[in-house]
PDB file of N, CA and C in Angstrom:
ATOM      1  N   MET A   1     170.107  97.730  57.779  1.00  0.00           N
ATOM      2  CA  MET A   1     169.419  98.774  56.921  1.00  0.00           C
ATOM      3  C   MET A   1     168.406  99.427  57.903  1.00  0.00           C
ATOM      4  N   TYR A   2     168.517 100.833  57.833  1.00  0.00           N
ATOM      5  CA  TYR A   2     167.617 101.608  58.671  1.00  0.00           C
ATOM      6  C   TYR A   2     166.333 102.136  57.960  1.00  0.00           C
ATOM      7  N   LEU A   3     165.263 101.725  58.536  1.00  0.00           N
ATOM      8  CA  LEU A   3     163.905 102.083  57.914  1.00  0.00           C
ATOM      9  C   LEU A   3     163.156 103.016  58.884  1.00  0.00           C
ATOM     10  N   PRO A   4     163.010 104.359  58.532  1.00  0.00           N
ATOM     11  CA  PRO A   4     162.215 105.278  59.478  1.00  0.00           C
ATOM     12  C   PRO A   4     160.743 104.758  59.693  1.00  0.00           C
ATOM     13  N   CYS A   5     160.331 105.141  60.988  1.00  0.00           N
ATOM     14  CA  CYS A   5     159.017 104.739  61.201  1.00  0.00           C
ATOM     15  C   CYS A   5     158.070 105.929  60.635  1.00  0.00           C
ATOM     16  N   ILE A   6     157.102 105.447  59.928  1.00  0.00           N
ATOM     17  CA  ILE A   6     156.188 106.446  59.363  1.00  0.00           C
ATOM     18  C   ILE A   6     154.951 106.392  60.186  1.00  0.00           C
ATOM     19  N   LEU A   7     154.396 107.522  60.675  1.00  0.00           N
ATOM     20  CA  LEU A   7     153.342 107.561  61.540  1.00  0.00           C
ATOM     21  C   LEU A   7     152.259 108.470  61.025  1.00  0.00           C
ATOM     22  N   LYS A   8     151.117 108.005  60.848  1.00  0.00           N
ATOM     23  CA  LYS A   8     149.936 108.781  60.379  1.00  0.00           C
ATOM     24  C   LYS A   8     148.895 108.723  61.537  1.00  0.00           C
ATOM     25  N   SER A   9     148.280 109.765  61.671  1.00  0.00           N
ATOM     26  CA  SER A   9     147.173 109.730  62.630  1.00  0.00           C
ATOM     27  C   SER A   9     145.942 110.732  62.082  1.00  0.00           C
ATOM     28  N   ASN A  10     144.730 110.387  62.399  1.00  0.00           N
ATOM     29  CA  ASN A  10     143.648 111.175  61.981  1.00  0.00           C
ATOM     30  C   ASN A  10     142.440 111.051  62.953  1.00  0.00           C
ATOM     31  N   ASP A  11     141.677 112.091  63.027  1.00  0.00           N
ATOM     32  CA  ASP A  11     140.528 112.054  63.736  1.00  0.00           C
ATOM     33  C   ASP A  11     139.495 111.389  62.933  1.00  0.00           C
ATOM     34  N   MET A  12     138.699 110.380  63.422  1.00  0.00           N
ATOM     35  CA  MET A  12     137.728 109.667  62.692  1.00  0.00           C
ATOM     36  C   MET A  12     136.484 109.526  63.639  1.00  0.00           C
ATOM     37  N   MET A  13     135.484 108.839  62.994  1.00  0.00           N
ATOM     38  CA  MET A  13     134.306 108.502  63.771  1.00  0.00           C
ATOM     39  C   MET A  13     134.291 106.998  63.711  1.00  0.00           C
ATOM     40  N   ILE A  14     134.073 106.316  64.954  1.00  0.00           N
ATOM     41  CA  ILE A  14     133.857 104.905  64.895  1.00  0.00           C
ATOM     42  C   ILE A  14     132.467 104.594  64.968  1.00  0.00           C
ATOM     43  N   VAL A  15     131.953 103.710  64.129  1.00  0.00           N
ATOM     44  CA  VAL A  15     130.619 103.316  64.090  1.00  0.00           C
ATOM     45  C   VAL A  15     130.455 102.233  65.161  1.00  0.00           C
ATOM     46  N   ARG A  16     129.759 102.450  66.237  1.00  0.00           N
ATOM     47  CA  ARG A  16     129.568 101.396  67.293  1.00  0.00           C
ATOM     48  C   ARG A  16     128.366 100.567  66.997  1.00  0.00           C
ATOM     49  N   ASP A  17     128.615  99.718  66.126  1.00  0.00           N
ATOM     50  CA  ASP A  17     127.521  98.674  65.768  1.00  0.00           C
ATOM     51  C   ASP A  17     127.362  97.652  66.792  1.00  0.00           C
ATOM     52  N   ASP A  18     128.353  97.575  67.650  1.00  0.00           N
ATOM     53  CA  ASP A  18     128.227  96.577  68.857  1.00  0.00           C
ATOM     54  C   ASP A  18     127.306  96.992  69.941  1.00  0.00           C
ATOM     55  N   LEU A  19     126.846  98.311  69.888  1.00  0.00           N
ATOM     56  CA  LEU A  19     126.044  98.744  70.925  1.00  0.00           C
ATOM     57  C   LEU A  19     124.472  98.528  70.442  1.00  0.00           C
ATOM     58  N   LYS A  20     123.765  97.815  71.261  1.00  0.00           N
ATOM     59  CA  LYS A  20     122.462  97.404  70.947  1.00  0.00           C
ATOM     60  C   LYS A  20     121.515  98.522  71.390  1.00  0.00           C
ATOM     61  N   GLY A  21     120.299  98.481  70.823  1.00  0.00           N
ATOM     62  CA  GLY A  21     119.247  99.378  71.246  1.00  0.00           C
ATOM     63  C   GLY A  21     119.081 100.692  70.542  1.00  0.00           C
ATOM     64  N   PHE A  22     119.885 100.889  69.440  1.00  0.00           N
ATOM     65  CA  PHE A  22     119.915 102.035  68.676  1.00  0.00           C
ATOM     66  C   PHE A  22     119.416 101.736  67.217  1.00  0.00           C
ATOM     67  N   ALA A  23     118.428 102.553  66.692  1.00  0.00           N
ATOM     68  CA  ALA A  23     118.055 102.404  65.371  1.00  0.00           C
ATOM     69  C   ALA A  23     119.095 102.620  64.488  1.00  0.00           C
ATOM     70  N   ILE A  24     119.976 103.537  64.587  1.00  0.00           N
ATOM     71  CA  ILE A  24     121.095 103.838  63.883  1.00  0.00           C
ATOM     72  C   ILE A  24     122.374 103.768  64.805  1.00  0.00           C
ATOM     73  N   PRO A  25     123.282 102.956  64.539  1.00  0.00           N
ATOM     74  CA  PRO A  25     124.404 102.865  65.468  1.00  0.00           C
ATOM     75  C   PRO A  25     125.082 104.203  65.564  1.00  0.00           C
ATOM     76  N   PRO A  26     125.423 104.559  66.887  1.00  0.00           N
ATOM     77  CA  PRO A  26     126.137 105.830  67.209  1.00  0.00           C
ATOM     78  C   PRO A  26     127.493 105.850  66.671  1.00  0.00           C
ATOM     79  N   ARG A  27     127.865 107.181  66.197  1.00  0.00           N
ATOM     80  CA  ARG A  27     129.281 107.423  65.734  1.00  0.00           C
ATOM     81  C   ARG A  27     129.863 108.108  66.836  1.00  0.00           C
ATOM     82  N   ILE A  28     131.055 107.677  67.356  1.00  0.00           N
ATOM     83  CA  ILE A  28     131.818 108.219  68.408  1.00  0.00           C
ATOM     84  C   ILE A  28     133.112 108.798  67.895  1.00  0.00           C
ATOM     85  N   PRO A  29     133.568 110.028  68.131  1.00  0.00           N
ATOM     86  CA  PRO A  29     134.844 110.559  67.821  1.00  0.00           C
ATOM     87  C   PRO A  29     135.931 109.675  68.261  1.00  0.00           C
ATOM     88  N   SER A  30     136.865 109.367  67.507  1.00  0.00           N
ATOM     89  CA  SER A  30     138.052 108.616  67.829  1.00  0.00           C
ATOM     90  C   SER A  30     139.281 109.027  67.138  1.00  0.00           C
ATOM     91  N   ARG A  31     140.367 108.400  67.377  1.00  0.00           N
ATOM     92  CA  ARG A  31     141.672 108.705  66.797  1.00  0.00           C
ATOM     93  C   ARG A  31     142.282 107.468  66.284  1.00  0.00           C
ATOM     94  N   MET A  32     142.559 107.456  64.971  1.00  0.00           N
ATOM     95  CA  MET A  32     143.102 106.263  64.381  1.00  0.00           C
ATOM     96  C   MET A  32     144.664 106.534  64.147  1.00  0.00           C
ATOM     97  N   VAL A  33     145.626 105.743  64.533  1.00  0.00           N
ATOM     98  CA  VAL A  33     146.985 105.829  64.392  1.00  0.00           C
ATOM     99  C   VAL A  33     147.574 104.700  63.714  1.00  0.00           C
ATOM    100  N   MET A  34     148.353 104.913  62.672  1.00  0.00           N
ATOM    101  CA  MET A  34     148.936 103.783  61.919  1.00  0.00           C
ATOM    102  C   MET A  34     150.452 104.081  61.796  1.00  0.00           C
ATOM    103  N   ASN A  35     151.240 103.005  62.080  1.00  0.00           N
ATOM    104  CA  ASN A  35     152.614 103.173  61.771  1.00  0.00           C
ATOM    105  C   ASN A  35     153.089 101.970  60.809  1.00  0.00           C
ATOM    106  N   ASN A  36     154.276 101.716  60.711  1.00  0.00           N
ATOM    107  CA  ASN A  36     154.755 100.662  59.680  1.00  0.00           C
ATOM    108  C   ASN A  36     154.291  99.273  60.011  1.00  0.00           C
ATOM    109  N   HIS A  37     153.747  99.000  61.179  1.00  0.00           N
ATOM    110  CA  HIS A  37     153.382  97.710  61.669  1.00  0.00           C
ATOM    111  C   HIS A  37     151.988  97.519  62.068  1.00  0.00           C
ATOM    112  N   THR A  38     151.497  98.547  62.681  1.00  0.00           N
ATOM    113  CA  THR A  38     150.195  98.433  63.376  1.00  0.00           C
ATOM    114  C   THR A  38     149.107  99.527  63.069  1.00  0.00           C
ATOM    115  N   ILE A  39     147.886  99.211  63.222  1.00  0.00           N
ATOM    116  CA  ILE A  39     146.871 100.307  63.108  1.00  0.00           C
ATOM    117  C   ILE A  39     146.130 100.145  64.474  1.00  0.00           C
ATOM    118  N   SER A  40     145.872 101.347  65.129  1.00  0.00           N
ATOM    119  CA  SER A  40     145.251 101.305  66.461  1.00  0.00           C
ATOM    120  C   SER A  40     144.215 102.338  66.414  1.00  0.00           C
ATOM    121  N   ILE A  41     143.103 102.090  67.191  1.00  0.00           N
ATOM    122  CA  ILE A  41     142.036 103.059  67.429  1.00  0.00           C
ATOM    123  C   ILE A  41     141.836 103.389  68.873  1.00  0.00           C
ATOM    124  N   PHE A  42     141.745 104.679  69.114  1.00  0.00           N
ATOM    125  CA  PHE A  42     141.731 105.234  70.469  1.00  0.00           C
ATOM    126  C   PHE A  42     140.547 106.075  70.691  1.00  0.00           C
ATOM    127  N   MET A  43     139.873 106.001  71.849  1.00  0.00           N
ATOM    128  CA  MET A  43     138.771 106.839  72.191  1.00  0.00           C
ATOM    129  C   MET A  43     139.140 108.253  72.568  1.00  0.00           C
ATOM    130  N   SER A  44     140.487 108.474  72.920  1.00  0.00           N
ATOM    131  CA  SER A  44     140.937 109.845  73.210  1.00  0.00           C
ATOM    132  C   SER A  44     142.373 109.929  72.804  1.00  0.00           C
ATOM    133  N   ASP A  45     143.056 110.905  73.252  1.00  0.00           N
ATOM    134  CA  ASP A  45     144.467 111.210  73.034  1.00  0.00           C
ATOM    135  C   ASP A  45     145.296 110.347  73.998  1.00  0.00           C
ATOM    136  N   ASN A  46     144.617 109.760  75.013  1.00  0.00           N
ATOM    137  CA  ASN A  46     145.282 108.929  75.993  1.00  0.00           C
ATOM    138  C   ASN A  46     145.582 107.568  75.351  1.00  0.00           C
ATOM    139  N   PHE A  47     146.802 106.996  75.307  1.00  0.00           N
ATOM    140  CA  PHE A  47     147.219 105.762  74.741  1.00  0.00           C
ATOM    141  C   PHE A  47     146.520 104.614  75.579  1.00  0.00           C
ATOM    142  N   GLY A  48     146.146 104.871  76.855  1.00  0.00           N
ATOM    143  CA  GLY A  48     145.457 103.808  77.584  1.00  0.00           C
ATOM    144  C   GLY A  48     143.966 103.604  77.053  1.00  0.00           C
ATOM    145  N   ASP A  49     143.448 104.395  76.365  1.00  0.00           N
ATOM    146  CA  ASP A  49     142.021 104.360  75.801  1.00  0.00           C
ATOM    147  C   ASP A  49     141.964 103.646  74.517  1.00  0.00           C
ATOM    148  N   VAL A  50     142.929 102.631  74.278  1.00  0.00           N
ATOM    149  CA  VAL A  50     142.953 101.894  72.973  1.00  0.00           C
ATOM    150  C   VAL A  50     141.649 101.004  72.962  1.00  0.00           C
ATOM    151  N   VAL A  51     140.975 101.064  71.783  1.00  0.00           N
ATOM    152  CA  VAL A  51     139.792 100.289  71.526  1.00  0.00           C
ATOM    153  C   VAL A  51     140.120  98.990  70.714  1.00  0.00           C
ATOM    154  N   TRP A  52     141.100  99.276  69.902  1.00  0.00           N
ATOM    155  CA  TRP A  52     141.501  98.213  68.899  1.00  0.00           C
ATOM    156  C   TRP A  52     142.952  98.399  68.349  1.00  0.00           C
ATOM    157  N   SER A  53     143.742  97.384  68.377  1.00  0.00           N
ATOM    158  CA  SER A  53     145.038  97.512  67.743  1.00  0.00           C
ATOM    159  C   SER A  53     145.352  96.095  67.121  1.00  0.00           C
ATOM    160  N   VAL A  54     145.849  96.243  65.882  1.00  0.00           N
ATOM    161  CA  VAL A  54     146.050  94.903  65.066  1.00  0.00           C
ATOM    162  C   VAL A  54     147.264  95.180  64.221  1.00  0.00           C
ATOM    163  N   ASN A  55     147.982  94.167  63.920  1.00  0.00           N
ATOM    164  CA  ASN A  55     149.113  94.144  62.932  1.00  0.00           C
ATOM    165  C   ASN A  55     148.547  94.504  61.546  1.00  0.00           C
ATOM    166  N   LEU A  56     149.222  95.388  60.855  1.00  0.00           N
ATOM    167  CA  LEU A  56     148.775  95.752  59.464  1.00  0.00           C
ATOM    168  C   LEU A  56     148.661  94.423  58.633  1.00  0.00           C
ATOM    169  N   SER A  57     149.519  93.552  58.737  1.00  0.00           N
ATOM    170  CA  SER A  57     149.484  92.322  57.915  1.00  0.00           C
ATOM    171  C   SER A  57     148.171  91.575  58.142  1.00  0.00           C
ATOM    172  N   ASP A  58     147.555  91.713  59.380  1.00  0.00           N
ATOM    173  CA  ASP A  58     146.267  91.001  59.624  1.00  0.00           C
ATOM    174  C   ASP A  58     144.961  91.869  59.200  1.00  0.00           C
ATOM    175  N   VAL A  59     145.160  93.001  58.768  1.00  0.00           N
ATOM    176  CA  VAL A  59     143.948  93.921  58.455  1.00  0.00           C
ATOM    177  C   VAL A  59     143.590  93.724  57.036  1.00  0.00           C
ATOM    178  N   LYS A  60     142.259  93.454  56.862  1.00  0.00           N
ATOM    179  CA  LYS A  60     141.627  93.551  55.609  1.00  0.00           C
ATOM    180  C   LYS A  60     140.688  94.756  55.578  1.00  0.00           C
ATOM    181  N   VAL A  61     140.699  95.509  54.494  1.00  0.00           N
ATOM    182  CA  VAL A  61     139.972  96.759  54.360  1.00  0.00           C
ATOM    183  C   VAL A  61     138.950  96.492  53.279  1.00  0.00           C
ATOM    184  N   ALA A  62     137.697  96.861  53.630  1.00  0.00           N
ATOM    185  CA  ALA A  62     136.506  96.718  52.739  1.00  0.00           C
ATOM    186  C   ALA A  62     135.653  97.980  52.729  1.00  0.00           C
ATOM    187  N   ASP A  63     134.956  98.318  51.677  1.00  0.00           N
ATOM    188  CA  ASP A  63     134.060  99.268  51.601  1.00  0.00           C
ATOM    189  C   ASP A  63     132.972  99.048  52.500  1.00  0.00           C
ATOM    190  N   TYR A  64     132.314 100.185  52.958  1.00  0.00           N
ATOM    191  CA  TYR A  64     131.118 100.111  53.873  1.00  0.00           C
ATOM    192  C   TYR A  64     129.954 100.785  52.927  1.00  0.00           C
ATOM    193  N   LYS A  65     128.759 100.514  53.476  1.00  0.00           N
ATOM    194  CA  LYS A  65     127.624 100.992  52.658  1.00  0.00           C
ATOM    195  C   LYS A  65     127.495 102.447  52.495  1.00  0.00           C
ATOM    196  N   GLU A  66     128.196 103.182  53.349  1.00  0.00           N
ATOM    197  CA  GLU A  66     128.143 104.633  53.309  1.00  0.00           C
ATOM    198  C   GLU A  66     129.400 105.195  52.735  1.00  0.00           C
ATOM    199  N   LYS A  67     129.297 106.347  52.130  1.00  0.00           N
ATOM    200  CA  LYS A  67     130.348 106.995  51.464  1.00  0.00           C
ATOM    201  C   LYS A  67     131.255 107.550  52.673  1.00  0.00           C
ATOM    202  N   ASN A  68     132.644 107.509  52.382  1.00  0.00           N
ATOM    203  CA  ASN A  68     133.670 108.125  53.269  1.00  0.00           C
ATOM    204  C   ASN A  68     133.748 107.063  54.574  1.00  0.00           C
ATOM    205  N   CYS A  69     133.246 105.913  54.462  1.00  0.00           N
ATOM    206  CA  CYS A  69     133.441 104.839  55.456  1.00  0.00           C
ATOM    207  C   CYS A  69     134.077 103.571  55.018  1.00  0.00           C
ATOM    208  N   ILE A  70     134.724 102.954  56.033  1.00  0.00           N
ATOM    209  CA  ILE A  70     135.506 101.630  55.523  1.00  0.00           C
ATOM    210  C   ILE A  70     135.195 100.730  56.738  1.00  0.00           C
ATOM    211  N   THR A  71     135.301  99.420  56.470  1.00  0.00           N
ATOM    212  CA  THR A  71     135.422  98.366  57.466  1.00  0.00           C
ATOM    213  C   THR A  71     136.741  97.755  57.584  1.00  0.00           C
ATOM    214  N   LEU A  72     137.304  97.794  58.748  1.00  0.00           N
ATOM    215  CA  LEU A  72     138.684  97.192  59.011  1.00  0.00           C
ATOM    216  C   LEU A  72     138.360  95.902  59.710  1.00  0.00           C
ATOM    217  N   LYS A  73     138.848  94.785  59.144  1.00  0.00           N
ATOM    218  CA  LYS A  73     138.616  93.480  59.749  1.00  0.00           C
ATOM    219  C   LYS A  73     139.953  92.783  60.120  1.00  0.00           C
ATOM    220  N   ASN A  74     140.106  92.289  61.304  1.00  0.00           N
ATOM    221  CA  ASN A  74     141.167  91.493  61.768  1.00  0.00           C
ATOM    222  C   ASN A  74     141.032  90.098  61.163  1.00  0.00           C
ATOM    223  N   SER A  75     141.807  89.697  60.253  1.00  0.00           N
ATOM    224  CA  SER A  75     141.671  88.368  59.591  1.00  0.00           C
ATOM    225  C   SER A  75     141.914  87.180  60.573  1.00  0.00           C
ATOM    226  N   ARG A  76     142.625  87.425  61.724  1.00  0.00           N
ATOM    227  CA  ARG A  76     142.895  86.414  62.606  1.00  0.00           C
ATOM    228  C   ARG A  76     141.758  86.120  63.583  1.00  0.00           C
ATOM    229  N   THR A  77     140.981  87.143  63.916  1.00  0.00           N
ATOM    230  CA  THR A  77     139.826  86.999  64.972  1.00  0.00           C
ATOM    231  C   THR A  77     138.452  87.188  64.330  1.00  0.00           C
ATOM    232  N   ASP A  78     138.411  87.845  63.128  1.00  0.00           N
ATOM    233  CA  ASP A  78     137.139  88.200  62.467  1.00  0.00           C
ATOM    234  C   ASP A  78     136.499  89.450  63.074  1.00  0.00           C
ATOM    235  N   GLU A  79     137.144  89.949  64.086  1.00  0.00           N
ATOM    236  CA  GLU A  79     136.688  91.225  64.667  1.00  0.00           C
ATOM    237  C   GLU A  79     136.769  92.364  63.737  1.00  0.00           C
ATOM    238  N   HIS A  80     135.706  93.312  63.638  1.00  0.00           N
ATOM    239  CA  HIS A  80     135.824  94.355  62.697  1.00  0.00           C
ATOM    240  C   HIS A  80     135.467  95.739  63.335  1.00  0.00           C
ATOM    241  N   LYS A  81     135.937  96.774  62.760  1.00  0.00           N
ATOM    242  CA  LYS A  81     135.521  98.114  63.152  1.00  0.00           C
ATOM    243  C   LYS A  81     135.205  98.869  61.971  1.00  0.00           C
ATOM    244  N   ILE A  82     134.125  99.633  62.047  1.00  0.00           N
ATOM    245  CA  ILE A  82     133.583 100.499  60.987  1.00  0.00           C
ATOM    246  C   ILE A  82     134.225 102.008  61.247  1.00  0.00           C
ATOM    247  N   MET A  83     135.002 102.610  60.407  1.00  0.00           N
ATOM    248  CA  MET A  83     135.451 103.873  60.575  1.00  0.00           C
ATOM    249  C   MET A  83     135.027 104.848  59.420  1.00  0.00           C
ATOM    250  N   CYS A  84     134.650 105.976  59.970  1.00  0.00           N
ATOM    251  CA  CYS A  84     134.190 107.030  58.964  1.00  0.00           C
ATOM    252  C   CYS A  84     135.023 108.337  59.146  1.00  0.00           C
ATOM    253  N   GLY A  85     135.148 109.105  58.132  1.00  0.00           N
ATOM    254  CA  GLY A  85     135.796 110.310  58.130  1.00  0.00           C
ATOM    255  C   GLY A  85     134.838 111.335  58.968  1.00  0.00           C
ATOM    256  N   MET A  86     135.530 112.246  59.650  1.00  0.00           N
ATOM    257  CA  MET A  86     134.771 113.312  60.393  1.00  0.00           C
ATOM    258  C   MET A  86     133.827 114.080  59.338  1.00  0.00           C
ATOM    259  N   THR A  87     132.626 114.347  59.598  1.00  0.00           N
ATOM    260  CA  THR A  87     131.783 114.964  58.682  1.00  0.00           C
ATOM    261  C   THR A  87     132.276 116.514  58.311  1.00  0.00           C
ATOM    262  N   PHE A  88     132.964 117.122  59.235  1.00  0.00           N
ATOM    263  CA  PHE A  88     133.496 118.469  59.014  1.00  0.00           C
ATOM    264  C   PHE A  88     134.904 118.490  58.382  1.00  0.00           C
ATOM    265  N   SER A  89     135.411 117.296  58.217  1.00  0.00           N
ATOM    266  CA  SER A  89     136.773 117.286  57.551  1.00  0.00           C
ATOM    267  C   SER A  89     136.703 117.227  56.039  1.00  0.00           C
ATOM    268  N   LYS A  90     137.636 117.840  55.427  1.00  0.00           N
ATOM    269  CA  LYS A  90     137.741 117.941  53.940  1.00  0.00           C
ATOM    270  C   LYS A  90     138.660 116.692  53.534  1.00  0.00           C
ATOM    271  N   ILE A  91     139.230 115.929  54.391  1.00  0.00           N
ATOM    272  CA  ILE A  91     140.106 114.854  54.057  1.00  0.00           C
ATOM    273  C   ILE A  91     139.191 113.605  53.723  1.00  0.00           C
ATOM    274  N   SER A  92     139.410 112.880  52.616  1.00  0.00           N
ATOM    275  CA  SER A  92     138.661 111.769  52.287  1.00  0.00           C
ATOM    276  C   SER A  92     139.560 110.580  52.794  1.00  0.00           C
ATOM    277  N   LEU A  93     138.785 109.467  52.998  1.00  0.00           N
ATOM    278  CA  LEU A  93     139.552 108.227  53.369  1.00  0.00           C
ATOM    279  C   LEU A  93     140.342 107.638  52.348  1.00  0.00           C
ATOM    280  N   GLU A  94     140.132 108.299  51.089  1.00  0.00           N
ATOM    281  CA  GLU A  94     141.115 107.817  49.886  1.00  0.00           C
ATOM    282  C   GLU A  94     142.509 108.369  49.945  1.00  0.00           C
ATOM    283  N   ASP A  95     142.678 109.432  50.725  1.00  0.00           N
ATOM    284  CA  ASP A  95     143.993 109.994  50.858  1.00  0.00           C
ATOM    285  C   ASP A  95     144.899 109.259  51.598  1.00  0.00           C
TER     286      ASP A  95
END
């Protein structure tokens, strides 16, 4: 049986709560790419700039305290990333 690969990508902001010394964690532009099996976050259009990549079956999605933001958690490692929609984008994370 042939199943086509579905690829979605979107420009997002990654909340860098891992960086210390900031009263408010900085938000850095990033690109999130999702296909049938994985979700990956890149710091640029270069695939060598991958920040986080995990199998979809291992991802847990939770609300974040701010509107239009979500927390992605790797259930195997407990590592998480907070992602927010671009402020100038009309696309909601609910889409």
